[in-house]
Amino acid sequence: MLHMHVFSWGIALILFFVTYSLYKRKNKKFSKILHMILRLLYVTTIFSGAALIYLWIQAGAVNIGPLIVKGVLGLAVIGQMEVMLYGEKRNELKKTRWITFVLALALVFYYGYSVLPMSF
């Protein structure tokens, strides 16, 4: 399950940057197709992350606080990605969106690779 989760968010990040650049170039048709595929990857990332949280709790995780924090931060990253794509689609680029995206992504990576266990 961990490999599926890492694969889905890895591909989602790559697809996000490709879709963002296509929206910047005004390539509407292909960017819309990739945006829909990206939304499907959001769903797989959310479900695999929820399954990982469930498995860690069932395995006897002592402190579930970091699991909840990482889950909320992960949802914030996905929400920020969607807001940034929608804003670029409407030519509303804001520097604060990039700052919050990078900050939330850095916190998710920190929690995922430093705070939480890598296996059960």
PDB file of N, CA and C in Angstrom:
ATOM      1  N   MET A   1       0.821  -1.190   0.000  1.00  0.00           N
ATOM      2  CA  MET A   1       0.000   0.000   0.000  1.00  0.00           C
ATOM      3  C   MET A   1       0.873   1.265   0.000  1.00  0.00           C
ATOM      4  N   LEU A   2       1.988   1.206   0.711  1.00  0.00           N
ATOM      5  CA  LEU A   2       2.875   2.365   0.758  1.00  0.00           C
ATOM      6  C   LEU A   2       3.440   2.688  -0.625  1.00  0.00           C
ATOM      7  N   HIS A   3       3.773   1.659  -1.391  1.00  0.00           N
ATOM      8  CA  HIS A   3       4.307   1.888  -2.736  1.00  0.00           C
ATOM      9  C   HIS A   3       3.256   2.519  -3.647  1.00  0.00           C
ATOM     10  N   MET A   4       2.003   2.087  -3.519  1.00  0.00           N
ATOM     11  CA  MET A   4       0.938   2.676  -4.328  1.00  0.00           C
ATOM     12  C   MET A   4       0.752   4.148  -3.969  1.00  0.00           C
ATOM     13  N   HIS A   5       0.840   4.459  -2.682  1.00  0.00           N
ATOM     14  CA  HIS A   5       0.668   5.837  -2.239  1.00  0.00           C
ATOM     15  C   HIS A   5       1.793   6.732  -2.778  1.00  0.00           C
ATOM     16  N   VAL A   6       3.024   6.275  -2.646  1.00  0.00           N
ATOM     17  CA  VAL A   6       4.170   7.059  -3.128  1.00  0.00           C
ATOM     18  C   VAL A   6       4.113   7.210  -4.647  1.00  0.00           C
ATOM     19  N   PHE A   7       3.743   6.144  -5.343  1.00  0.00           N
ATOM     20  CA  PHE A   7       3.626   6.212  -6.798  1.00  0.00           C
ATOM     21  C   PHE A   7       2.545   7.210  -7.210  1.00  0.00           C
ATOM     22  N   SER A   8       1.384   7.176  -6.545  1.00  0.00           N
ATOM     23  CA  SER A   8       0.284   8.048  -6.954  1.00  0.00           C
ATOM     24  C   SER A   8       0.606   9.516  -6.693  1.00  0.00           C
ATOM     25  N   TRP A   9       1.217   9.846  -5.533  1.00  0.00           N
ATOM     26  CA  TRP A   9       1.513  11.260  -5.340  1.00  0.00           C
ATOM     27  C   TRP A   9       2.711  11.706  -6.168  1.00  0.00           C
ATOM     28  N   GLY A  10       3.628  10.789  -6.467  1.00  0.00           N
ATOM     29  CA  GLY A  10       4.754  11.150  -7.332  1.00  0.00           C
ATOM     30  C   GLY A  10       4.300  11.491  -8.743  1.00  0.00           C
ATOM     31  N   ILE A  11       3.456  10.634  -9.293  1.00  0.00           N
ATOM     32  CA  ILE A  11       2.910  10.901 -10.629  1.00  0.00           C
ATOM     33  C   ILE A  11       2.013  12.137 -10.602  1.00  0.00           C
ATOM     34  N   ALA A  12       1.274  12.329  -9.508  1.00  0.00           N
ATOM     35  CA  ALA A  12       0.404  13.502  -9.396  1.00  0.00           C
ATOM     36  C   ALA A  12       1.220  14.794  -9.402  1.00  0.00           C
ATOM     37  N   LEU A  13       2.348  14.810  -8.715  1.00  0.00           N
ATOM     38  CA  LEU A  13       3.189  16.014  -8.720  1.00  0.00           C
ATOM     39  C   LEU A  13       3.742  16.310 -10.107  1.00  0.00           C
ATOM     40  N   ILE A  14       4.215  15.272 -10.784  1.00  0.00           N
ATOM     41  CA  ILE A  14       4.731  15.464 -12.144  1.00  0.00           C
ATOM     42  C   ILE A  14       3.625  15.967 -13.064  1.00  0.00           C
ATOM     43  N   LEU A  15       2.465  15.336 -12.977  1.00  0.00           N
ATOM     44  CA  LEU A  15       1.340  15.721 -13.829  1.00  0.00           C
ATOM     45  C   LEU A  15       0.841  17.126 -13.492  1.00  0.00           C
ATOM     46  N   PHE A  16       0.936  17.512 -12.225  1.00  0.00           N
ATOM     47  CA  PHE A  16       0.548  18.862 -11.834  1.00  0.00           C
ATOM     48  C   PHE A  16       1.413  19.902 -12.544  1.00  0.00           C
ATOM     49  N   PHE A  17       2.732  19.713 -12.531  1.00  0.00           N
ATOM     50  CA  PHE A  17       3.613  20.687 -13.167  1.00  0.00           C
ATOM     51  C   PHE A  17       3.438  20.704 -14.685  1.00  0.00           C
ATOM     52  N   VAL A  18       3.180  19.544 -15.285  1.00  0.00           N
ATOM     53  CA  VAL A  18       2.930  19.495 -16.735  1.00  0.00           C
ATOM     54  C   VAL A  18       1.629  20.222 -17.063  1.00  0.00           C
ATOM     55  N   THR A  19       0.578  19.949 -16.285  1.00  0.00           N
ATOM     56  CA  THR A  19      -0.712  20.594 -16.522  1.00  0.00           C
ATOM     57  C   THR A  19      -0.617  22.098 -16.301  1.00  0.00           C
ATOM     58  N   TYR A  20       0.097  22.504 -15.271  1.00  0.00           N
ATOM     59  CA  TYR A  20       0.269  23.928 -14.997  1.00  0.00           C
ATOM     60  C   TYR A  20       0.964  24.631 -16.160  1.00  0.00           C
ATOM     61  N   SER A  21       2.004  24.003 -16.696  1.00  0.00           N
ATOM     62  CA  SER A  21       2.711  24.626 -17.819  1.00  0.00           C
ATOM     63  C   SER A  21       1.841  24.666 -19.070  1.00  0.00           C
ATOM     64  N   LEU A  22       0.987  23.660 -19.256  1.00  0.00           N
ATOM     65  CA  LEU A  22       0.083  23.682 -20.409  1.00  0.00           C
ATOM     66  C   LEU A  22      -0.975  24.771 -20.263  1.00  0.00           C
ATOM     67  N   TYR A  23      -1.478  24.983 -19.049  1.00  0.00           N
ATOM     68  CA  TYR A  23      -2.414  26.092 -18.837  1.00  0.00           C
ATOM     69  C   TYR A  23      -1.719  27.428 -19.094  1.00  0.00           C
ATOM     70  N   LYS A  24      -0.452  27.535 -18.727  1.00  0.00           N
ATOM     71  CA  LYS A  24       0.300  28.765 -18.976  1.00  0.00           C
ATOM     72  C   LYS A  24       0.462  29.035 -20.471  1.00  0.00           C
ATOM     73  N   ARG A  25       0.605  27.964 -21.251  1.00  0.00           N
ATOM     74  CA  ARG A  25       0.769  28.096 -22.707  1.00  0.00           C
ATOM     75  C   ARG A  25      -0.560  28.196 -23.443  1.00  0.00           C
ATOM     76  N   LYS A  26      -1.653  28.184 -22.720  1.00  0.00           N
ATOM     77  CA  LYS A  26      -3.013  28.301 -23.287  1.00  0.00           C
ATOM     78  C   LYS A  26      -3.402  27.105 -24.157  1.00  0.00           C
ATOM     79  N   ASN A  27      -2.875  25.933 -23.845  1.00  0.00           N
ATOM     80  CA  ASN A  27      -3.247  24.700 -24.543  1.00  0.00           C
ATOM     81  C   ASN A  27      -4.426  24.087 -23.792  1.00  0.00           C
ATOM     82  N   LYS A  28      -5.636  24.543 -24.117  1.00  0.00           N
ATOM     83  CA  LYS A  28      -6.810  24.215 -23.320  1.00  0.00           C
ATOM     84  C   LYS A  28      -7.229  22.755 -23.410  1.00  0.00           C
ATOM     85  N   LYS A  29      -7.226  22.183 -24.590  1.00  0.00           N
ATOM     86  CA  LYS A  29      -7.759  20.834 -24.747  1.00  0.00           C
ATOM     87  C   LYS A  29      -6.904  19.798 -24.010  1.00  0.00           C
ATOM     88  N   PHE A  30      -5.613  19.791 -24.250  1.00  0.00           N
ATOM     89  CA  PHE A  30      -4.748  18.791 -23.631  1.00  0.00           C
ATOM     90  C   PHE A  30      -4.610  19.028 -22.128  1.00  0.00           C
ATOM     91  N   SER A  31      -4.602  20.309 -21.722  1.00  0.00           N
ATOM     92  CA  SER A  31      -4.503  20.597 -20.290  1.00  0.00           C
ATOM     93  C   SER A  31      -5.758  20.148 -19.550  1.00  0.00           C
ATOM     94  N   LYS A  32      -6.907  20.241 -20.186  1.00  0.00           N
ATOM     95  CA  LYS A  32      -8.146  19.786 -19.547  1.00  0.00           C
ATOM     96  C   LYS A  32      -8.146  18.265 -19.369  1.00  0.00           C
ATOM     97  N   ILE A  33      -7.631  17.544 -20.354  1.00  0.00           N
ATOM     98  CA  ILE A  33      -7.538  16.082 -20.251  1.00  0.00           C
ATOM     99  C   ILE A  33      -6.597  15.697 -19.115  1.00  0.00           C
ATOM    100  N   LEU A  34      -5.434  16.329 -19.064  1.00  0.00           N
ATOM    101  CA  LEU A  34      -4.478  16.023 -18.001  1.00  0.00           C
ATOM    102  C   LEU A  34      -5.004  16.431 -16.628  1.00  0.00           C
ATOM    103  N   HIS A  35      -5.791  17.502 -16.580  1.00  0.00           N
ATOM    104  CA  HIS A  35      -6.378  17.935 -15.318  1.00  0.00           C
ATOM    105  C   HIS A  35      -7.355  16.881 -14.791  1.00  0.00           C
ATOM    106  N   MET A  36      -8.124  16.277 -15.664  1.00  0.00           N
ATOM    107  CA  MET A  36      -9.043  15.209 -15.245  1.00  0.00           C
ATOM    108  C   MET A  36      -8.278  13.973 -14.766  1.00  0.00           C
ATOM    109  N   ILE A  37      -7.196  13.629 -15.448  1.00  0.00           N
ATOM    110  CA  ILE A  37      -6.371  12.497 -15.005  1.00  0.00           C
ATOM    111  C   ILE A  37      -5.744  12.817 -13.650  1.00  0.00           C
ATOM    112  N   LEU A  38      -5.331  14.055 -13.468  1.00  0.00           N
ATOM    113  CA  LEU A  38      -4.755  14.482 -12.194  1.00  0.00           C
ATOM    114  C   LEU A  38      -5.774  14.360 -11.066  1.00  0.00           C
ATOM    115  N   ARG A  39      -7.014  14.689 -11.333  1.00  0.00           N
ATOM    116  CA  ARG A  39      -8.056  14.543 -10.313  1.00  0.00           C
ATOM    117  C   ARG A  39      -8.266  13.083  -9.935  1.00  0.00           C
ATOM    118  N   LEU A  40      -8.132  12.190 -10.890  1.00  0.00           N
ATOM    119  CA  LEU A  40      -8.209  10.763 -10.581  1.00  0.00           C
ATOM    120  C   LEU A  40      -7.042  10.350  -9.679  1.00  0.00           C
ATOM    121  N   LEU A  41      -5.872  10.887  -9.940  1.00  0.00           N
ATOM    122  CA  LEU A  41      -4.721  10.603  -9.084  1.00  0.00           C
ATOM    123  C   LEU A  41      -4.895  11.190  -7.689  1.00  0.00           C
ATOM    124  N   TYR A  42      -5.591  12.331  -7.577  1.00  0.00           N
ATOM    125  CA  TYR A  42      -5.908  12.865  -6.253  1.00  0.00           C
ATOM    126  C   TYR A  42      -6.705  11.837  -5.453  1.00  0.00           C
ATOM    127  N   VAL A  43      -7.692  11.242  -6.105  1.00  0.00           N
ATOM    128  CA  VAL A  43      -8.550  10.265  -5.424  1.00  0.00           C
ATOM    129  C   VAL A  43      -7.738   9.054  -4.979  1.00  0.00           C
ATOM    130  N   THR A  44      -6.876   8.540  -5.854  1.00  0.00           N
ATOM    131  CA  THR A  44      -6.067   7.377  -5.460  1.00  0.00           C
ATOM    132  C   THR A  44      -5.095   7.735  -4.338  1.00  0.00           C
ATOM    133  N   THR A  45      -4.564   8.944  -4.359  1.00  0.00           N
ATOM    134  CA  THR A  45      -3.664   9.376  -3.289  1.00  0.00           C
ATOM    135  C   THR A  45      -4.413   9.483  -1.963  1.00  0.00           C
ATOM    136  N   ILE A  46      -5.601  10.046  -1.996  1.00  0.00           N
ATOM    137  CA  ILE A  46      -6.385  10.195  -0.766  1.00  0.00           C
ATOM    138  C   ILE A  46      -6.783   8.833  -0.208  1.00  0.00           C
ATOM    139  N   PHE A  47      -7.269   7.937  -1.063  1.00  0.00           N
ATOM    140  CA  PHE A  47      -7.691   6.623  -0.570  1.00  0.00           C
ATOM    141  C   PHE A  47      -6.513   5.791  -0.077  1.00  0.00           C
ATOM    142  N   SER A  48      -5.395   5.836  -0.775  1.00  0.00           N
ATOM    143  CA  SER A  48      -4.240   5.062  -0.304  1.00  0.00           C
ATOM    144  C   SER A  48      -3.680   5.652   0.990  1.00  0.00           C
ATOM    145  N   GLY A  49      -3.706   6.964   1.128  1.00  0.00           N
ATOM    146  CA  GLY A  49      -3.266   7.592   2.373  1.00  0.00           C
ATOM    147  C   GLY A  49      -4.181   7.255   3.538  1.00  0.00           C
ATOM    148  N   ALA A  50      -5.488   7.259   3.284  1.00  0.00           N
ATOM    149  CA  ALA A  50      -6.437   6.874   4.334  1.00  0.00           C
ATOM    150  C   ALA A  50      -6.252   5.413   4.723  1.00  0.00           C
ATOM    151  N   ALA A  51      -5.988   4.561   3.746  1.00  0.00           N
ATOM    152  CA  ALA A  51      -5.748   3.143   4.044  1.00  0.00           C
ATOM    153  C   ALA A  51      -4.474   2.969   4.863  1.00  0.00           C
ATOM    154  N   LEU A  52      -3.445   3.746   4.558  1.00  0.00           N
ATOM    155  CA  LEU A  52      -2.207   3.674   5.345  1.00  0.00           C
ATOM    156  C   LEU A  52      -2.434   4.122   6.787  1.00  0.00           C
ATOM    157  N   ILE A  53      -3.196   5.189   6.967  1.00  0.00           N
ATOM    158  CA  ILE A  53      -3.513   5.637   8.327  1.00  0.00           C
ATOM    159  C   ILE A  53      -4.268   4.545   9.073  1.00  0.00           C
ATOM    160  N   TYR A  54      -5.241   3.934   8.412  1.00  0.00           N
ATOM    161  CA  TYR A  54      -6.001   2.846   9.033  1.00  0.00           C
ATOM    162  C   TYR A  54      -5.087   1.680   9.404  1.00  0.00           C
ATOM    163  N   LEU A  55      -4.184   1.305   8.513  1.00  0.00           N
ATOM    164  CA  LEU A  55      -3.271   0.194   8.796  1.00  0.00           C
ATOM    165  C   LEU A  55      -2.312   0.521   9.943  1.00  0.00           C
ATOM    166  N   TRP A  56      -1.830   1.761  10.008  1.00  0.00           N
ATOM    167  CA  TRP A  56      -0.939   2.135  11.106  1.00  0.00           C
ATOM    168  C   TRP A  56      -1.686   2.112  12.438  1.00  0.00           C
ATOM    169  N   ILE A  57      -2.938   2.561  12.439  1.00  0.00           N
ATOM    170  CA  ILE A  57      -3.720   2.531  13.676  1.00  0.00           C
ATOM    171  C   ILE A  57      -4.002   1.091  14.088  1.00  0.00           C
ATOM    172  N   GLN A  58      -4.344   0.230  13.133  1.00  0.00           N
ATOM    173  CA  GLN A  58      -4.593  -1.180  13.438  1.00  0.00           C
ATOM    174  C   GLN A  58      -3.330  -1.889  13.919  1.00  0.00           C
ATOM    175  N   ALA A  59      -2.174  -1.450  13.451  1.00  0.00           N
ATOM    176  CA  ALA A  59      -0.915  -2.070  13.866  1.00  0.00           C
ATOM    177  C   ALA A  59      -0.489  -1.610  15.256  1.00  0.00           C
ATOM    178  N   GLY A  60      -1.217  -0.661  15.818  1.00  0.00           N
ATOM    179  CA  GLY A  60      -0.924  -0.224  17.179  1.00  0.00           C
ATOM    180  C   GLY A  60      -0.069   1.020  17.261  1.00  0.00           C
ATOM    181  N   ALA A  61      -0.298   1.961  16.380  1.00  0.00           N
ATOM    182  CA  ALA A  61       0.443   3.222  16.450  1.00  0.00           C
ATOM    183  C   ALA A  61       0.130   3.907  17.776  1.00  0.00           C
ATOM    184  N   VAL A  62       1.162   4.246  18.514  1.00  0.00           N
ATOM    185  CA  VAL A  62       0.983   4.808  19.847  1.00  0.00           C
ATOM    186  C   VAL A  62       0.448   6.231  19.764  1.00  0.00           C
ATOM    187  N   ASN A  63       1.030   7.040  18.922  1.00  0.00           N
ATOM    188  CA  ASN A  63       0.648   8.437  18.800  1.00  0.00           C
ATOM    189  C   ASN A  63       0.073   8.668  17.407  1.00  0.00           C
ATOM    190  N   ILE A  64      -1.234   8.883  17.331  1.00  0.00           N
ATOM    191  CA  ILE A  64      -1.846   9.077  16.013  1.00  0.00           C
ATOM    192  C   ILE A  64      -1.880  10.547  15.598  1.00  0.00           C
ATOM    193  N   GLY A  65      -1.384  11.435  16.451  1.00  0.00           N
ATOM    194  CA  GLY A  65      -1.361  12.864  16.128  1.00  0.00           C
ATOM    195  C   GLY A  65      -0.613  13.181  14.842  1.00  0.00           C
ATOM    196  N   PRO A  66       0.624  12.691  14.681  1.00  0.00           N
ATOM    197  CA  PRO A  66       1.341  12.965  13.431  1.00  0.00           C
ATOM    198  C   PRO A  66       0.650  12.377  12.198  1.00  0.00           C
ATOM    199  N   LEU A  67      -0.058  11.265  12.369  1.00  0.00           N
ATOM    200  CA  LEU A  67      -0.800  10.696  11.236  1.00  0.00           C
ATOM    201  C   LEU A  67      -1.902  11.647  10.787  1.00  0.00           C
ATOM    202  N   ILE A  68      -2.614  12.206  11.754  1.00  0.00           N
ATOM    203  CA  ILE A  68      -3.698  13.138  11.439  1.00  0.00           C
ATOM    204  C   ILE A  68      -3.132  14.421  10.827  1.00  0.00           C
ATOM    205  N   VAL A  69      -2.032  14.925  11.394  1.00  0.00           N
ATOM    206  CA  VAL A  69      -1.412  16.150  10.861  1.00  0.00           C
ATOM    207  C   VAL A  69      -0.974  15.942   9.418  1.00  0.00           C
ATOM    208  N   LYS A  70      -0.338  14.806   9.133  1.00  0.00           N
ATOM    209  CA  LYS A  70       0.115  14.545   7.766  1.00  0.00           C
ATOM    210  C   LYS A  70      -1.071  14.394   6.819  1.00  0.00           C
ATOM    211  N   GLY A  71      -2.143  13.765   7.287  1.00  0.00           N
ATOM    212  CA  GLY A  71      -3.333  13.637   6.451  1.00  0.00           C
ATOM    213  C   GLY A  71      -3.940  14.987   6.104  1.00  0.00           C
ATOM    214  N   VAL A  72      -4.039  15.858   7.095  1.00  0.00           N
ATOM    215  CA  VAL A  72      -4.589  17.197   6.855  1.00  0.00           C
ATOM    216  C   VAL A  72      -3.671  17.998   5.936  1.00  0.00           C
ATOM    217  N   LEU A  73      -2.363  17.908   6.165  1.00  0.00           N
ATOM    218  CA  LEU A  73      -1.419  18.612   5.288  1.00  0.00           C
ATOM    219  C   LEU A  73      -1.468  18.067   3.861  1.00  0.00           C
ATOM    220  N   GLY A  74      -1.629  16.753   3.723  1.00  0.00           N
ATOM    221  CA  GLY A  74      -1.754  16.160   2.391  1.00  0.00           C
ATOM    222  C   GLY A  74      -2.985  16.669   1.658  1.00  0.00           C
ATOM    223  N   LEU A  75      -4.100  16.769   2.389  1.00  0.00           N
ATOM    224  CA  LEU A  75      -5.310  17.328   1.781  1.00  0.00           C
ATOM    225  C   LEU A  75      -5.110  18.797   1.419  1.00  0.00           C
ATOM    226  N   ALA A  76      -4.359  19.524   2.245  1.00  0.00           N
ATOM    227  CA  ALA A  76      -4.072  20.930   1.937  1.00  0.00           C
ATOM    228  C   ALA A  76      -3.233  21.058   0.670  1.00  0.00           C
ATOM    229  N   VAL A  77      -2.268  20.162   0.486  1.00  0.00           N
ATOM    230  CA  VAL A  77      -1.443  20.191  -0.730  1.00  0.00           C
ATOM    231  C   VAL A  77      -2.308  19.922  -1.953  1.00  0.00           C
ATOM    232  N   ILE A  78      -3.176  18.919  -1.865  1.00  0.00           N
ATOM    233  CA  ILE A  78      -4.051  18.603  -2.997  1.00  0.00           C
ATOM    234  C   ILE A  78      -4.983  19.774  -3.287  1.00  0.00           C
ATOM    235  N   GLY A  79      -5.547  20.367  -2.246  1.00  0.00           N
ATOM    236  CA  GLY A  79      -6.412  21.534  -2.441  1.00  0.00           C
ATOM    237  C   GLY A  79      -5.667  22.704  -3.050  1.00  0.00           C
ATOM    238  N   GLN A  80      -4.442  22.920  -2.603  1.00  0.00           N
ATOM    239  CA  GLN A  80      -3.638  24.019  -3.142  1.00  0.00           C
ATOM    240  C   GLN A  80      -3.278  23.777  -4.604  1.00  0.00           C
ATOM    241  N   MET A  81      -3.002  22.527  -4.957  1.00  0.00           N
ATOM    242  CA  MET A  81      -2.716  22.206  -6.360  1.00  0.00           C
ATOM    243  C   MET A  81      -3.924  22.541  -7.229  1.00  0.00           C
ATOM    244  N   GLU A  82      -5.103  22.181  -6.745  1.00  0.00           N
ATOM    245  CA  GLU A  82      -6.317  22.441  -7.518  1.00  0.00           C
ATOM    246  C   GLU A  82      -6.582  23.945  -7.637  1.00  0.00           C
ATOM    247  N   VAL A  83      -6.381  24.680  -6.552  1.00  0.00           N
ATOM    248  CA  VAL A  83      -6.577  26.132  -6.576  1.00  0.00           C
ATOM    249  C   VAL A  83      -5.584  26.796  -7.527  1.00  0.00           C
ATOM    250  N   MET A  84      -4.347  26.326  -7.531  1.00  0.00           N
ATOM    251  CA  MET A  84      -3.339  26.913  -8.419  1.00  0.00           C
ATOM    252  C   MET A  84      -3.663  26.646  -9.882  1.00  0.00           C
ATOM    253  N   LEU A  85      -4.130  25.440 -10.186  1.00  0.00           N
ATOM    254  CA  LEU A  85      -4.493  25.146 -11.576  1.00  0.00           C
ATOM    255  C   LEU A  85      -5.693  25.971 -12.012  1.00  0.00           C
ATOM    256  N   TYR A  86      -6.674  26.097 -11.129  1.00  0.00           N
ATOM    257  CA  TYR A  86      -7.853  26.886 -11.473  1.00  0.00           C
ATOM    258  C   TYR A  86      -7.489  28.364 -11.628  1.00  0.00           C
ATOM    259  N   GLY A  87      -6.602  28.850 -10.761  1.00  0.00           N
ATOM    260  CA  GLY A  87      -6.172  30.244 -10.867  1.00  0.00           C
ATOM    261  C   GLY A  87      -5.386  30.509 -12.138  1.00  0.00           C
ATOM    262  N   GLU A  88      -4.539  29.562 -12.531  1.00  0.00           N
ATOM    263  CA  GLU A  88      -3.774  29.732 -13.776  1.00  0.00           C
ATOM    264  C   GLU A  88      -4.702  29.667 -14.983  1.00  0.00           C
ATOM    265  N   LYS A  89      -5.713  28.842 -14.881  1.00  0.00           N
ATOM    266  CA  LYS A  89      -6.694  28.733 -15.963  1.00  0.00           C
ATOM    267  C   LYS A  89      -7.405  30.072 -16.175  1.00  0.00           C
ATOM    268  N   ARG A  90      -7.614  30.804 -15.084  1.00  0.00           N
ATOM    269  CA  ARG A  90      -8.295  32.098 -15.154  1.00  0.00           C
ATOM    270  C   ARG A  90      -7.318  33.274 -15.138  1.00  0.00           C
ATOM    271  N   ASN A  91      -6.017  32.999 -15.297  1.00  0.00           N
ATOM    272  CA  ASN A  91      -4.962  34.027 -15.306  1.00  0.00           C
ATOM    273  C   ASN A  91      -4.932  34.838 -14.011  1.00  0.00           C
ATOM    274  N   GLU A  92      -5.053  34.165 -12.881  1.00  0.00           N
ATOM    275  CA  GLU A  92      -5.004  34.815 -11.572  1.00  0.00           C
ATOM    276  C   GLU A  92      -3.822  34.286 -10.776  1.00  0.00           C
ATOM    277  N   LEU A  93      -2.629  34.520 -11.225  1.00  0.00           N
ATOM    278  CA  LEU A  93      -1.450  34.008 -10.534  1.00  0.00           C
ATOM    279  C   LEU A  93      -1.167  34.850  -9.296  1.00  0.00           C
ATOM    280  N   LYS A  94      -1.054  34.178  -8.171  1.00  0.00           N
ATOM    281  CA  LYS A  94      -0.718  34.826  -6.905  1.00  0.00           C
ATOM    282  C   LYS A  94       0.541  34.185  -6.339  1.00  0.00           C
ATOM    283  N   LYS A  95       1.449  35.012  -5.886  1.00  0.00           N
ATOM    284  CA  LYS A  95       2.699  34.510  -5.312  1.00  0.00           C
ATOM    285  C   LYS A  95       2.442  33.761  -4.004  1.00  0.00           C
ATOM    286  N   THR A  96       1.418  34.184  -3.260  1.00  0.00           N
ATOM    287  CA  THR A  96       1.128  33.523  -1.984  1.00  0.00           C
ATOM    288  C   THR A  96       0.669  32.081  -2.191  1.00  0.00           C
ATOM    289  N   ARG A  97       0.058  31.789  -3.316  1.00  0.00           N
ATOM    290  CA  ARG A  97      -0.346  30.402  -3.596  1.00  0.00           C
ATOM    291  C   ARG A  97       0.871  29.502  -3.720  1.00  0.00           C
ATOM    292  N   TRP A  98       1.892  29.974  -4.402  1.00  0.00           N
ATOM    293  CA  TRP A  98       3.119  29.188  -4.550  1.00  0.00           C
ATOM    294  C   TRP A  98       3.817  29.019  -3.204  1.00  0.00           C
ATOM    295  N   ILE A  99       3.823  30.064  -2.396  1.00  0.00           N
ATOM    296  CA  ILE A  99       4.479  29.978  -1.091  1.00  0.00           C
ATOM    297  C   ILE A  99       3.774  28.958  -0.207  1.00  0.00           C
ATOM    298  N   THR A 100       2.453  29.017  -0.141  1.00  0.00           N
ATOM    299  CA  THR A 100       1.728  28.055   0.699  1.00  0.00           C
ATOM    300  C   THR A 100       1.845  26.642   0.146  1.00  0.00           C
ATOM    301  N   PHE A 101       1.883  26.501  -1.176  1.00  0.00           N
ATOM    302  CA  PHE A 101       2.040  25.172  -1.768  1.00  0.00           C
ATOM    303  C   PHE A 101       3.393  24.567  -1.402  1.00  0.00           C
ATOM    304  N   VAL A 102       4.452  25.328  -1.571  1.00  0.00           N
ATOM    305  CA  VAL A 102       5.794  24.819  -1.273  1.00  0.00           C
ATOM    306  C   VAL A 102       5.939  24.535   0.220  1.00  0.00           C
ATOM    307  N   LEU A 103       5.398  25.401   1.059  1.00  0.00           N
ATOM    308  CA  LEU A 103       5.477  25.193   2.502  1.00  0.00           C
ATOM    309  C   LEU A 103       4.715  23.933   2.922  1.00  0.00           C
ATOM    310  N   ALA A 104       3.490  23.773   2.424  1.00  0.00           N
ATOM    311  CA  ALA A 104       2.701  22.584   2.770  1.00  0.00           C
ATOM    312  C   ALA A 104       3.351  21.314   2.231  1.00  0.00           C
ATOM    313  N   LEU A 105       3.894  21.371   1.026  1.00  0.00           N
ATOM    314  CA  LEU A 105       4.560  20.202   0.448  1.00  0.00           C
ATOM    315  C   LEU A 105       5.810  19.831   1.252  1.00  0.00           C
ATOM    316  N   ALA A 106       6.565  20.837   1.684  1.00  0.00           N
ATOM    317  CA  ALA A 106       7.753  20.563   2.504  1.00  0.00           C
ATOM    318  C   ALA A 106       7.363  19.933   3.838  1.00  0.00           C
ATOM    319  N   LEU A 107       6.280  20.408   4.442  1.00  0.00           N
ATOM    320  CA  LEU A 107       5.825  19.821   5.704  1.00  0.00           C
ATOM    321  C   LEU A 107       5.330  18.391   5.519  1.00  0.00           C
ATOM    322  N   VAL A 108       4.661  18.124   4.410  1.00  0.00           N
ATOM    323  CA  VAL A 108       4.203  16.756   4.135  1.00  0.00           C
ATOM    324  C   VAL A 108       5.397  15.830   3.961  1.00  0.00           C
ATOM    325  N   PHE A 109       6.403  16.270   3.229  1.00  0.00           N
ATOM    326  CA  PHE A 109       7.608  15.448   3.067  1.00  0.00           C
ATOM    327  C   PHE A 109       8.318  15.241   4.406  1.00  0.00           C
ATOM    328  N   TYR A 110       8.376  16.285   5.223  1.00  0.00           N
ATOM    329  CA  TYR A 110       9.010  16.155   6.532  1.00  0.00           C
ATOM    330  C   TYR A 110       8.281  15.117   7.383  1.00  0.00           C
ATOM    331  N   TYR A 111       6.967  15.223   7.458  1.00  0.00           N
ATOM    332  CA  TYR A 111       6.200  14.258   8.246  1.00  0.00           C
ATOM    333  C   TYR A 111       6.288  12.862   7.651  1.00  0.00           C
ATOM    334  N   GLY A 112       6.272  12.763   6.348  1.00  0.00           N
ATOM    335  CA  GLY A 112       6.288  11.453   5.710  1.00  0.00           C
ATOM    336  C   GLY A 112       7.604  10.723   5.838  1.00  0.00           C
ATOM    337  N   TYR A 113       8.704  11.455   5.774  1.00  0.00           N
ATOM    338  CA  TYR A 113      10.008  10.796   5.761  1.00  0.00           C
ATOM    339  C   TYR A 113      10.793  10.929   7.063  1.00  0.00           C
ATOM    340  N   SER A 114      10.404  11.836   7.958  1.00  0.00           N
ATOM    341  CA  SER A 114      11.154  12.001   9.201  1.00  0.00           C
ATOM    342  C   SER A 114      10.358  11.614  10.444  1.00  0.00           C
ATOM    343  N   VAL A 115       9.099  11.944  10.476  1.00  0.00           N
ATOM    344  CA  VAL A 115       8.305  11.742  11.686  1.00  0.00           C
ATOM    345  C   VAL A 115       7.635  10.378  11.698  1.00  0.00           C
ATOM    346  N   LEU A 116       6.987  10.013  10.600  1.00  0.00           N
ATOM    347  CA  LEU A 116       6.222   8.765  10.565  1.00  0.00           C
ATOM    348  C   LEU A 116       7.114   7.576  10.239  1.00  0.00           C
ATOM    349  N   PRO A 117       6.715   6.392  10.706  1.00  0.00           N
ATOM    350  CA  PRO A 117       7.492   5.191  10.359  1.00  0.00           C
ATOM    351  C   PRO A 117       7.307   4.833   8.892  1.00  0.00           C
ATOM    352  N   MET A 118       8.324   4.223   8.311  1.00  0.00           N
ATOM    353  CA  MET A 118       8.270   3.857   6.894  1.00  0.00           C
ATOM    354  C   MET A 118       7.578   2.520   6.663  1.00  0.00           C
ATOM    355  N   SER A 119       7.432   1.723   7.700  1.00  0.00           N
ATOM    356  CA  SER A 119       6.770   0.429   7.543  1.00  0.00           C
ATOM    357  C   SER A 119       5.995   0.137   8.812  1.00  0.00           C
ATOM    358  N   PHE A 120       5.379  -1.022   8.837  1.00  0.00           N
ATOM    359  CA  PHE A 120       4.552  -1.380   9.996  1.00  0.00           C
ATOM    360  C   PHE A 120       5.389  -2.080  11.002  1.00  0.00           C
TER     361      PHE A 120
END
